[in-house]
């Protein structure tokens, strides 16, 4: 008797998002979920790049003793792949993705994890979370600052501390675990774990076969409003017997299942240098229908004018008077058209001016704490506005330069400030600065606490 995986996967765009930036993958050897981010349709490219890159281990399987290092290298390769996409189109800078995956070794599984997509194990009726979220709120929970219940309502609950972005090196969590018959593994994006509690996931994870369970979980997320993309991959560890011919008597599919952005032809076309795995089934949510051909009815036949036609003088005069009346009507129509055009242009300009005023008002209400100057040598500053530029125009301005050197902060806070910390208002920004100053001061103690520059770990 041998062990194998029986798997199913589904990805749904959800009820709020316009596109699916999640990608999922399931095969007899690997399970993967990647949750992309970055805007400008970059998130879907990032997650699809992750699936294509890590799934390449299917074609080049490592030795059992080298699986963890191969998975670590695969995460580095994802970073290189995303970096290549950004190099080809710098406007995509800021894209990134989570990656959570399982590599199957029959009696063991190797787990790789970066970000806040999750892996769960259901064994003998008991559910356990196998991954640890790389998020700001999870760091607060680990430090005892907030509870798990507080984290669900925290304004920065979506702030990732680790993701593969093609620019910054990232260290993946790696582990090896025993696999047993009857185990059920669940991989999901935060579109599921962010809307269903651990207890709700655990309750439904034990129901039905993988296909039915995947469907039930995604449907429940949709019933709850699904504000984000939802991707779920489930696999059962089952026994099977090989016949004398070496063919399994199990009816599991041979080809992998690719769902979400990685399965969309339009996404694959934008990543021509990526090798994507074959797909055993179509993702029902992907928008791959051919575009409708634009066009209207043919032009109506035009009347012919016979210049040789001879008409009586009276009739000719009548026609000329009719033509003059028609010309006068055309002149009036042109004046009306010109008036309407001028009015429309004025309304458009008024709308643009109003939009600019609203945008300026909104920007003035936004605050964040960031770095003035280089991340390594700059100072902590309070900014009014949002990070970035629009056609070369900065969208924020420094409100306060605290003169606090970023290098004096604990390493964790240095990373936070370099990525910018959003604030609710000016007072909230000032509160954040005070906390940073307090932690920077603690690093100046004779024996600085762990995490401070130069501290002994």
Protein backbone atom coordinates (compact mmCIF):
# COMPACT_ATOMS: atom_id res chain seq x y z
CA UNK A 1 0.00 0.00 0.00
CA UNK A 2 1.20 3.51 -0.86
CA UNK A 3 -0.08 6.96 -0.07
CA UNK A 4 -1.16 9.68 -2.47
CA UNK A 5 -3.04 12.99 -2.50
CA UNK A 6 -6.61 13.38 -3.72
CA UNK A 7 -7.13 17.10 -4.33
CA UNK A 8 -9.45 19.88 -5.46
CA UNK A 9 -9.09 23.65 -5.90
CA UNK A 10 -11.31 26.65 -6.54
CA UNK A 11 -10.79 30.40 -6.81
CA UNK A 12 -13.46 33.09 -6.88
CA UNK A 13 -13.07 36.82 -7.52
CA UNK A 14 -15.45 37.58 -4.62
CA UNK A 15 -18.22 40.17 -4.51
CA UNK A 16 -16.21 43.40 -4.29
CA UNK A 17 -12.99 43.08 -6.30
CA UNK A 18 -13.07 43.63 -10.06
CA UNK A 19 -10.31 41.11 -10.83
CA UNK A 20 -8.82 37.99 -9.29
CA UNK A 21 -5.27 38.49 -7.98
CA UNK A 22 -5.20 35.06 -6.28
CA UNK A 23 -3.71 31.94 -7.88
CA UNK A 24 -3.99 28.33 -6.80
CA UNK A 25 -2.43 25.02 -7.85
CA UNK A 26 -3.03 21.40 -6.91
CA UNK A 27 -1.43 18.20 -8.16
CA UNK A 28 -0.43 14.79 -6.87
CA UNK A 29 2.90 16.29 -5.75
CA UNK A 30 2.29 19.96 -4.88
CA UNK A 31 -0.32 22.29 -3.41
CA UNK A 32 0.11 26.06 -3.75
CA UNK A 33 -1.77 29.28 -2.98
CA UNK A 34 -0.47 32.75 -3.89
CA UNK A 35 -2.25 36.02 -3.09
CA UNK A 36 -1.01 38.86 -5.29
CA UNK A 37 -1.03 42.57 -4.53
CA UNK A 38 0.14 45.79 -6.14
CA UNK A 39 -2.60 47.37 -8.27
CA UNK A 40 -2.46 48.10 -12.02
CA UNK A 41 -3.34 44.40 -12.50
CA UNK A 42 0.14 43.68 -11.11
CA UNK A 43 -1.10 41.44 -8.30
CA UNK A 44 -2.39 38.86 -10.74
CA UNK A 45 0.98 38.86 -12.53
CA UNK A 46 2.84 38.38 -9.24
CA UNK A 47 0.73 35.45 -8.04
CA UNK A 48 0.75 33.80 -11.48
CA UNK A 49 4.55 34.16 -11.60
CA UNK A 50 4.77 32.45 -8.20
CA UNK A 51 2.66 29.49 -9.33
CA UNK A 52 4.59 29.06 -12.60
CA UNK A 53 7.96 29.28 -10.84
CA UNK A 54 7.35 27.03 -7.82
CA UNK A 55 5.34 24.47 -9.81
CA UNK A 56 8.43 24.00 -11.98
CA UNK A 57 9.62 21.67 -9.21
CA UNK A 58 7.12 19.20 -10.72
CA UNK A 59 9.33 19.00 -13.82
CA UNK A 60 12.59 19.00 -11.86
CA UNK A 61 11.85 17.13 -8.60
CA UNK A 62 14.59 17.47 -5.99
CA UNK A 63 16.04 14.66 -3.90
CA UNK A 64 14.09 14.02 -0.71
CA UNK A 65 16.99 15.31 1.36
CA UNK A 66 17.08 18.55 -0.63
CA UNK A 67 13.38 19.43 -0.74
CA UNK A 68 13.50 22.25 1.81
CA UNK A 69 16.48 23.92 0.18
CA UNK A 70 14.81 23.50 -3.22
CA UNK A 71 11.68 25.22 -1.90
CA UNK A 72 13.78 28.05 -0.46
CA UNK A 73 15.51 28.43 -3.82
CA UNK A 74 12.12 28.42 -5.55
CA UNK A 75 11.00 31.39 -3.42
CA UNK A 76 14.19 33.21 -4.42
CA UNK A 77 13.39 32.37 -8.05
CA UNK A 78 9.92 33.85 -7.62
CA UNK A 79 11.58 37.08 -6.49
CA UNK A 80 13.84 37.03 -9.54
CA UNK A 81 10.87 36.36 -11.84
CA UNK A 82 8.86 39.24 -10.37
CA UNK A 83 11.94 41.46 -10.55
CA UNK A 84 12.20 40.64 -14.26
CA UNK A 85 8.58 41.61 -14.83
CA UNK A 86 9.15 44.92 -13.01
CA UNK A 87 12.32 45.58 -15.02
CA UNK A 88 10.32 45.17 -18.23
CA UNK A 89 7.59 47.52 -16.96
CA UNK A 90 8.72 49.80 -14.08
CA UNK A 91 5.12 50.96 -13.53
CA UNK A 92 4.53 47.57 -11.91
CA UNK A 93 6.95 48.39 -9.07
CA UNK A 94 5.23 47.57 -5.80
CA UNK A 95 3.71 44.30 -6.96
CA UNK A 96 4.19 41.28 -4.74
CA UNK A 97 2.65 38.04 -3.59
CA UNK A 98 2.30 35.63 -0.72
CA UNK A 99 3.30 32.00 -1.29
CA UNK A 100 2.16 29.04 0.78
CA UNK A 101 2.84 25.55 -0.51
CA UNK A 102 3.12 21.87 0.31
CA UNK A 103 5.48 19.44 -1.43
CA UNK A 104 4.40 15.79 -1.17
CA UNK A 105 6.90 13.08 -0.15
CA UNK A 106 4.41 10.20 0.42
CA UNK A 107 5.03 9.72 4.16
CA UNK A 108 5.98 13.37 4.77
CA UNK A 109 5.17 16.82 3.53
CA UNK A 110 7.47 19.82 3.16
CA UNK A 111 5.86 23.20 3.92
CA UNK A 112 6.97 26.59 2.57
CA UNK A 113 5.32 29.85 3.65
CA UNK A 114 5.67 33.61 3.07
CA UNK A 115 2.90 36.10 3.89
CA UNK A 116 -0.59 35.60 5.28
CA UNK A 117 -2.05 32.85 3.12
CA UNK A 118 -2.53 29.88 5.40
CA UNK A 119 -2.16 26.10 5.64
CA UNK A 120 -4.31 23.98 7.97
CA UNK A 121 -4.23 20.28 8.88
CA UNK A 122 -7.28 18.24 9.90
CA UNK A 123 -6.19 15.01 11.60
CA UNK A 124 -8.53 12.65 13.47
CA UNK A 125 -11.09 15.42 13.86
CA UNK A 126 -8.61 17.97 15.26
CA UNK A 127 -7.77 21.05 13.20
CA UNK A 128 -4.45 22.92 13.50
CA UNK A 129 -3.02 25.94 11.70
CA UNK A 130 0.39 25.01 10.26
CA UNK A 131 1.54 28.49 9.24
CA UNK A 132 2.26 31.71 11.10
CA UNK A 133 1.01 34.95 9.51
CA UNK A 134 3.74 37.41 8.54
CA UNK A 135 1.62 40.46 9.34
CA UNK A 136 1.87 43.54 11.53
CA UNK A 137 -1.06 42.48 13.72
CA UNK A 138 0.40 38.99 14.21
CA UNK A 139 3.58 40.63 15.48
CA UNK A 140 1.45 42.62 17.92
CA UNK A 141 -0.29 39.42 19.03
CA UNK A 142 3.04 37.65 19.48
CA UNK A 143 4.25 40.58 21.58
CA UNK A 144 1.13 40.51 23.75
CA UNK A 145 -0.01 43.99 22.67
CA UNK A 146 -3.38 42.86 21.30
CA UNK A 147 -5.56 39.76 21.32
CA UNK A 148 -6.67 37.61 18.39
CA UNK A 149 -10.11 39.22 18.66
CA UNK A 150 -8.56 42.70 18.50
CA UNK A 151 -6.59 41.71 15.39
CA UNK A 152 -9.78 41.04 13.41
CA UNK A 153 -10.77 44.72 13.81
CA UNK A 154 -7.32 46.32 13.70
CA UNK A 155 -7.00 49.02 10.97
CA UNK A 156 -3.61 47.62 9.92
CA UNK A 157 -4.66 43.97 9.85
CA UNK A 158 -3.76 43.70 6.13
CA UNK A 159 -0.23 45.10 6.53
CA UNK A 160 2.22 42.38 5.49
CA UNK A 161 5.66 42.15 7.07
CA UNK A 162 6.88 39.58 4.52
CA UNK A 163 6.00 39.11 0.85
CA UNK A 164 7.87 38.26 -2.34
CA UNK A 165 8.16 41.59 -4.19
CA UNK A 166 11.11 41.12 -6.55
CA UNK A 167 13.11 43.86 -4.80
CA UNK A 168 13.67 42.94 -1.15
CA UNK A 169 15.10 39.52 -0.22
CA UNK A 170 12.68 37.45 1.84
CA UNK A 171 13.19 34.42 4.06
CA UNK A 172 10.51 31.74 3.83
CA UNK A 173 9.32 29.60 6.75
CA UNK A 174 10.26 25.97 6.01
CA UNK A 175 9.32 22.79 7.84
CA UNK A 176 8.93 19.04 7.34
CA UNK A 177 5.98 17.10 8.78
CA UNK A 178 4.74 13.54 8.97
CA UNK A 179 1.83 12.57 6.69
CA UNK A 180 -0.79 10.00 7.68
CA UNK A 181 -3.70 8.32 5.96
CA UNK A 182 -6.84 10.36 6.59
CA UNK A 183 -5.03 13.70 6.88
CA UNK A 184 -6.72 16.62 5.12
CA UNK A 185 -4.71 19.70 4.17
CA UNK A 186 -6.26 23.10 3.45
CA UNK A 187 -4.40 25.98 1.81
CA UNK A 188 -6.26 29.29 1.42
CA UNK A 189 -5.83 32.98 0.79
CA UNK A 190 -6.92 35.51 3.41
CA UNK A 191 -10.12 35.95 1.43
CA UNK A 192 -11.25 32.86 3.33
CA UNK A 193 -9.35 33.05 6.63
CA UNK A 194 -10.07 36.76 6.95
CA UNK A 195 -13.83 36.29 6.86
CA UNK A 196 -14.33 32.89 8.54
CA UNK A 197 -13.21 32.14 12.08
CA UNK A 198 -10.88 29.25 12.90
CA UNK A 199 -13.81 27.36 14.40
CA UNK A 200 -15.95 27.80 11.28
CA UNK A 201 -13.12 26.61 9.03
CA UNK A 202 -12.43 23.62 11.29
CA UNK A 203 -16.11 22.64 11.39
CA UNK A 204 -16.53 22.62 7.62
CA UNK A 205 -13.12 21.19 6.81
CA UNK A 206 -14.24 17.73 7.88
CA UNK A 207 -17.31 17.65 5.65
CA UNK A 208 -17.49 15.93 2.27
CA UNK A 209 -14.82 14.99 -0.26
CA UNK A 210 -12.20 17.57 -1.35
CA UNK A 211 -14.36 18.91 -4.18
CA UNK A 212 -17.44 19.27 -2.01
CA UNK A 213 -15.48 20.82 0.84
CA UNK A 214 -13.77 23.34 -1.45
CA UNK A 215 -17.14 24.34 -2.86
CA UNK A 216 -18.75 24.65 0.57
CA UNK A 217 -15.98 26.87 1.95
CA UNK A 218 -15.92 29.23 -1.05
CA UNK A 219 -19.72 29.43 -1.10
CA UNK A 220 -19.79 30.28 2.61
CA UNK A 221 -17.26 33.08 2.06
CA UNK A 222 -19.48 34.43 -0.74
CA UNK A 223 -22.51 34.29 1.57
CA UNK A 224 -20.55 36.41 4.09
CA UNK A 225 -19.92 39.11 1.47
CA UNK A 226 -16.48 38.00 0.17
CA UNK A 227 -14.81 41.45 0.07
CA UNK A 228 -11.59 39.86 -1.25
CA UNK A 229 -10.67 37.12 -3.72
CA UNK A 230 -11.18 33.65 -2.25
CA UNK A 231 -8.89 30.74 -3.15
CA UNK A 232 -9.10 27.30 -1.53
CA UNK A 233 -7.01 24.17 -2.17
CA UNK A 234 -7.80 20.92 -0.31
CA UNK A 235 -6.06 17.54 -0.47
CA UNK A 236 -6.69 14.24 1.32
CA UNK A 237 -3.99 11.67 2.08
CA UNK A 238 -5.38 8.34 0.82
CA UNK A 239 -4.13 4.82 0.21
CA UNK A 240 -4.02 3.20 -3.21
CA UNK A 241 -2.84 -0.05 -4.70
CA UNK A 242 -0.73 -0.45 -7.83
CA UNK A 243 -1.88 -3.10 -10.25
CA UNK A 244 0.54 -5.46 -11.94
CA UNK A 245 0.78 -3.01 -14.84
CA UNK A 246 1.99 -0.30 -12.47
CA UNK A 247 -1.21 1.74 -12.96
CA UNK A 248 -3.10 2.98 -9.94
CA UNK A 249 -6.61 1.74 -9.35
CA UNK A 250 -7.52 5.21 -8.10
CA UNK A 251 -9.41 7.61 -10.36
CA UNK A 252 -7.51 10.75 -9.28
CA UNK A 253 -6.80 13.18 -12.14
CA UNK A 254 -3.38 13.02 -13.75
CA UNK A 255 -3.01 16.68 -14.71
CA UNK A 256 -2.80 19.42 -12.07
CA UNK A 257 -5.57 21.94 -11.39
CA UNK A 258 -4.69 25.61 -11.87
CA UNK A 259 -7.16 28.23 -10.65
CA UNK A 260 -7.34 32.00 -10.37
CA UNK A 261 -5.01 34.38 -12.21
CA UNK A 262 -2.44 31.68 -13.07
CA UNK A 263 -5.11 29.84 -15.05
CA UNK A 264 -6.27 32.83 -17.09
CA UNK A 265 -5.01 32.93 -20.71
CA UNK A 266 -4.87 36.75 -20.72
CA UNK A 267 -2.52 36.67 -17.69
CA UNK A 268 -0.30 34.01 -19.23
CA UNK A 269 -0.02 36.08 -22.42
CA UNK A 270 1.42 38.94 -20.34
CA UNK A 271 4.09 36.60 -18.95
CA UNK A 272 5.55 35.09 -22.14
CA UNK A 273 8.79 34.02 -20.43
CA UNK A 274 7.00 31.92 -17.80
CA UNK A 275 6.39 28.19 -18.23
CA UNK A 276 2.91 27.43 -16.89
CA UNK A 277 1.78 23.90 -16.01
CA UNK A 278 -0.94 22.16 -17.97
CA UNK A 279 -4.41 22.55 -16.52
CA UNK A 280 -6.80 19.65 -16.03
CA UNK A 281 -9.88 21.84 -15.73
CA UNK A 282 -11.03 25.31 -16.60
CA UNK A 283 -11.52 27.83 -13.82
CA UNK A 284 -15.20 28.87 -14.17
CA UNK A 285 -14.42 32.34 -12.79
CA UNK A 286 -11.76 33.41 -15.26
CA UNK A 287 -12.77 35.98 -17.90
CA UNK A 288 -11.35 34.21 -20.95
CA UNK A 289 -14.33 34.56 -23.29
CA UNK A 290 -13.36 36.05 -26.68
CA UNK A 291 -14.17 39.75 -26.97
CA UNK A 292 -17.25 40.72 -28.82
CA UNK A 293 -16.49 42.20 -32.24
CA UNK A 294 -17.54 45.83 -32.39
CA UNK A 295 -19.55 47.09 -35.34
CA UNK A 296 -22.94 48.41 -36.33
CA UNK A 297 -25.39 47.99 -39.17
CA UNK A 298 -24.25 48.84 -42.73
CA UNK A 299 -24.66 52.37 -44.00
CA UNK A 300 -28.08 53.02 -45.50
CA UNK A 301 -28.21 53.38 -49.34
CA UNK A 302 -27.65 56.98 -50.44
CA UNK A 303 -29.96 58.77 -52.87
CA UNK A 304 -28.65 59.36 -56.37
CA UNK A 305 -28.72 62.87 -57.90
CA UNK A 306 -29.42 63.10 -61.62
CA UNK A 307 -27.77 66.36 -62.76
CA UNK A 308 -29.41 66.07 -66.20
CA UNK A 309 -32.94 66.09 -64.87
CA UNK A 310 -35.00 68.98 -66.35
CA UNK A 311 -37.86 70.39 -64.27
CA UNK A 312 -40.27 73.24 -64.91
CA UNK A 313 -39.26 76.76 -63.67
CA UNK A 314 -42.05 76.93 -61.09
CA UNK A 315 -41.07 73.61 -59.62
CA UNK A 316 -37.39 74.69 -59.68
CA UNK A 317 -38.24 77.87 -57.72
CA UNK A 318 -40.22 75.82 -55.23
CA UNK A 319 -37.31 73.48 -54.73
CA UNK A 320 -34.92 76.39 -54.25
CA UNK A 321 -37.14 77.91 -51.58
CA UNK A 322 -37.30 74.57 -49.82
CA UNK A 323 -33.50 74.31 -50.03
CA UNK A 324 -33.11 77.81 -48.52
CA UNK A 325 -35.40 76.91 -45.67
CA UNK A 326 -33.36 73.73 -45.14
CA UNK A 327 -30.11 75.74 -45.12
CA UNK A 328 -31.55 78.13 -42.54
CA UNK A 329 -32.51 75.16 -40.41
CA UNK A 330 -29.02 73.73 -40.74
CA UNK A 331 -27.51 77.05 -39.62
CA UNK A 332 -29.76 77.08 -36.56
CA UNK A 333 -28.83 73.45 -35.85
CA UNK A 334 -25.11 74.30 -36.07
CA UNK A 335 -25.58 77.18 -33.60
CA UNK A 336 -27.45 74.88 -31.22
CA UNK A 337 -24.75 72.23 -31.59
CA UNK A 338 -22.02 74.81 -30.89
CA UNK A 339 -23.89 76.03 -27.80
CA UNK A 340 -24.34 72.48 -26.55
CA UNK A 341 -20.63 71.74 -27.14
CA UNK A 342 -19.52 74.86 -25.26
CA UNK A 343 -21.88 73.99 -22.40
CA UNK A 344 -20.64 70.41 -22.30
CA UNK A 345 -16.99 71.53 -22.25
CA UNK A 346 -17.77 73.98 -19.45
CA UNK A 347 -19.46 71.22 -17.44
CA UNK A 348 -16.51 68.88 -18.01
CA UNK A 349 -14.05 71.54 -16.86
CA UNK A 350 -16.25 72.24 -13.84
CA UNK A 351 -16.34 68.52 -13.04
CA UNK A 352 -12.54 68.29 -13.35
CA UNK A 353 -12.09 71.31 -11.10
CA UNK A 354 -14.50 69.84 -8.55
CA UNK A 355 -12.69 66.50 -8.74
CA UNK A 356 -9.35 68.19 -8.15
CA UNK A 357 -10.74 70.04 -5.16
CA UNK A 358 -12.20 66.82 -3.73
CA UNK A 359 -8.92 64.98 -4.38
CA UNK A 360 -6.95 67.75 -2.66
CA UNK A 361 -9.37 67.70 0.28
CA UNK A 362 -9.02 63.91 0.53
CA UNK A 363 -5.21 64.07 0.33
CA UNK A 364 -5.18 66.69 3.09
CA UNK A 365 -7.07 64.24 5.32
CA UNK A 366 -4.49 61.45 4.81
CA UNK A 367 -1.47 61.01 7.11
CA UNK A 368 1.36 58.56 7.44
CA UNK A 369 4.75 58.16 9.09
CA UNK A 370 7.69 57.48 6.78
CA UNK A 371 11.35 58.13 6.10
CA UNK A 372 12.83 61.45 5.00
CA UNK A 373 15.89 60.67 2.91
CA UNK A 374 17.49 57.26 2.49
CA UNK A 375 15.95 54.38 4.53
CA UNK A 376 19.30 53.61 6.19
CA UNK A 377 20.41 57.13 7.06
CA UNK A 378 17.22 59.21 6.95
CA UNK A 379 14.99 60.50 9.70
CA UNK A 380 11.44 59.70 10.77
CA UNK A 381 8.95 62.22 9.39
CA UNK A 382 5.19 62.79 9.49
CA UNK A 383 3.67 63.18 6.02
CA UNK A 384 0.37 64.73 5.01
CA UNK A 385 -1.03 62.93 1.95
CA UNK A 386 -0.34 59.50 0.50
CA UNK A 387 2.95 57.93 -0.68
CA UNK A 388 3.86 58.20 -4.35
CA UNK A 389 3.55 60.64 -7.24
CA UNK A 390 1.06 61.36 -10.00
CA UNK A 391 2.61 62.36 -13.35
CA UNK A 392 5.66 63.48 -11.43
CA UNK A 393 3.71 65.47 -8.82
CA UNK A 394 4.25 64.32 -5.19
CA UNK A 395 1.05 63.26 -3.45
CA UNK A 396 2.33 64.10 0.01
CA UNK A 397 4.36 66.70 1.86
CA UNK A 398 6.37 66.57 5.08
CA UNK A 399 4.38 68.02 7.97
CA UNK A 400 6.96 67.31 10.68
CA UNK A 401 10.56 66.17 10.54
CA UNK A 402 11.13 64.54 13.95
CA UNK A 403 14.95 64.43 13.51
CA UNK A 404 14.76 60.89 14.91
CA UNK A 405 17.28 58.79 12.95
CA UNK A 406 15.77 55.65 11.45
CA UNK A 407 18.99 53.80 12.32
CA UNK A 408 18.25 54.31 16.05
CA UNK A 409 15.00 52.34 15.85
CA UNK A 410 14.63 48.60 16.50
CA UNK A 411 15.05 46.64 13.27
CA UNK A 412 11.35 45.73 13.21
CA UNK A 413 10.34 49.40 13.41
CA UNK A 414 12.93 50.34 10.78
CA UNK A 415 11.21 48.01 8.32
CA UNK A 416 7.77 49.37 9.24
CA UNK A 417 8.79 53.00 8.77
CA UNK A 418 10.55 52.25 5.47
CA UNK A 419 7.28 50.81 4.16
CA UNK A 420 5.32 53.75 5.73
CA UNK A 421 2.88 53.45 8.63
CA UNK A 422 -0.62 54.81 7.82
CA UNK A 423 -2.23 57.07 10.45
CA UNK A 424 -5.85 58.03 11.00
CA UNK A 425 -5.10 61.73 11.40
CA UNK A 426 -2.37 64.12 12.53
CA UNK A 427 -2.87 63.20 16.18
CA UNK A 428 -2.60 59.49 15.38
CA UNK A 429 0.61 60.17 13.44
CA UNK A 430 2.01 62.05 16.44
CA UNK A 431 1.10 59.10 18.68
CA UNK A 432 2.97 56.72 16.36
CA UNK A 433 6.03 58.99 16.46
CA UNK A 434 5.96 59.06 20.27
CA UNK A 435 5.89 55.25 20.35
CA UNK A 436 8.82 55.08 17.92
CA UNK A 437 10.79 57.60 19.99
CA UNK A 438 10.12 55.56 23.10
CA UNK A 439 11.37 52.34 21.50
CA UNK A 440 14.38 54.15 20.04
CA UNK A 441 15.21 55.43 23.52
CA UNK A 442 15.07 51.90 24.92
CA UNK A 443 17.70 50.90 22.35
CA UNK A 444 20.08 53.40 23.97
CA UNK A 445 20.09 51.46 27.26
CA UNK A 446 23.32 49.92 28.40
CA UNK A 447 21.86 46.53 27.52
CA UNK A 448 19.48 47.17 24.59
CA UNK A 449 16.50 44.81 24.23
CA UNK A 450 16.39 42.22 21.40
CA UNK A 451 15.66 43.73 17.99
CA UNK A 452 17.70 46.89 18.57
CA UNK A 453 20.65 47.68 16.32
CA UNK A 454 23.70 45.99 17.79
CA UNK A 455 21.67 44.01 20.34
CA UNK A 456 22.87 40.56 21.24
CA UNK A 457 20.28 38.02 20.10
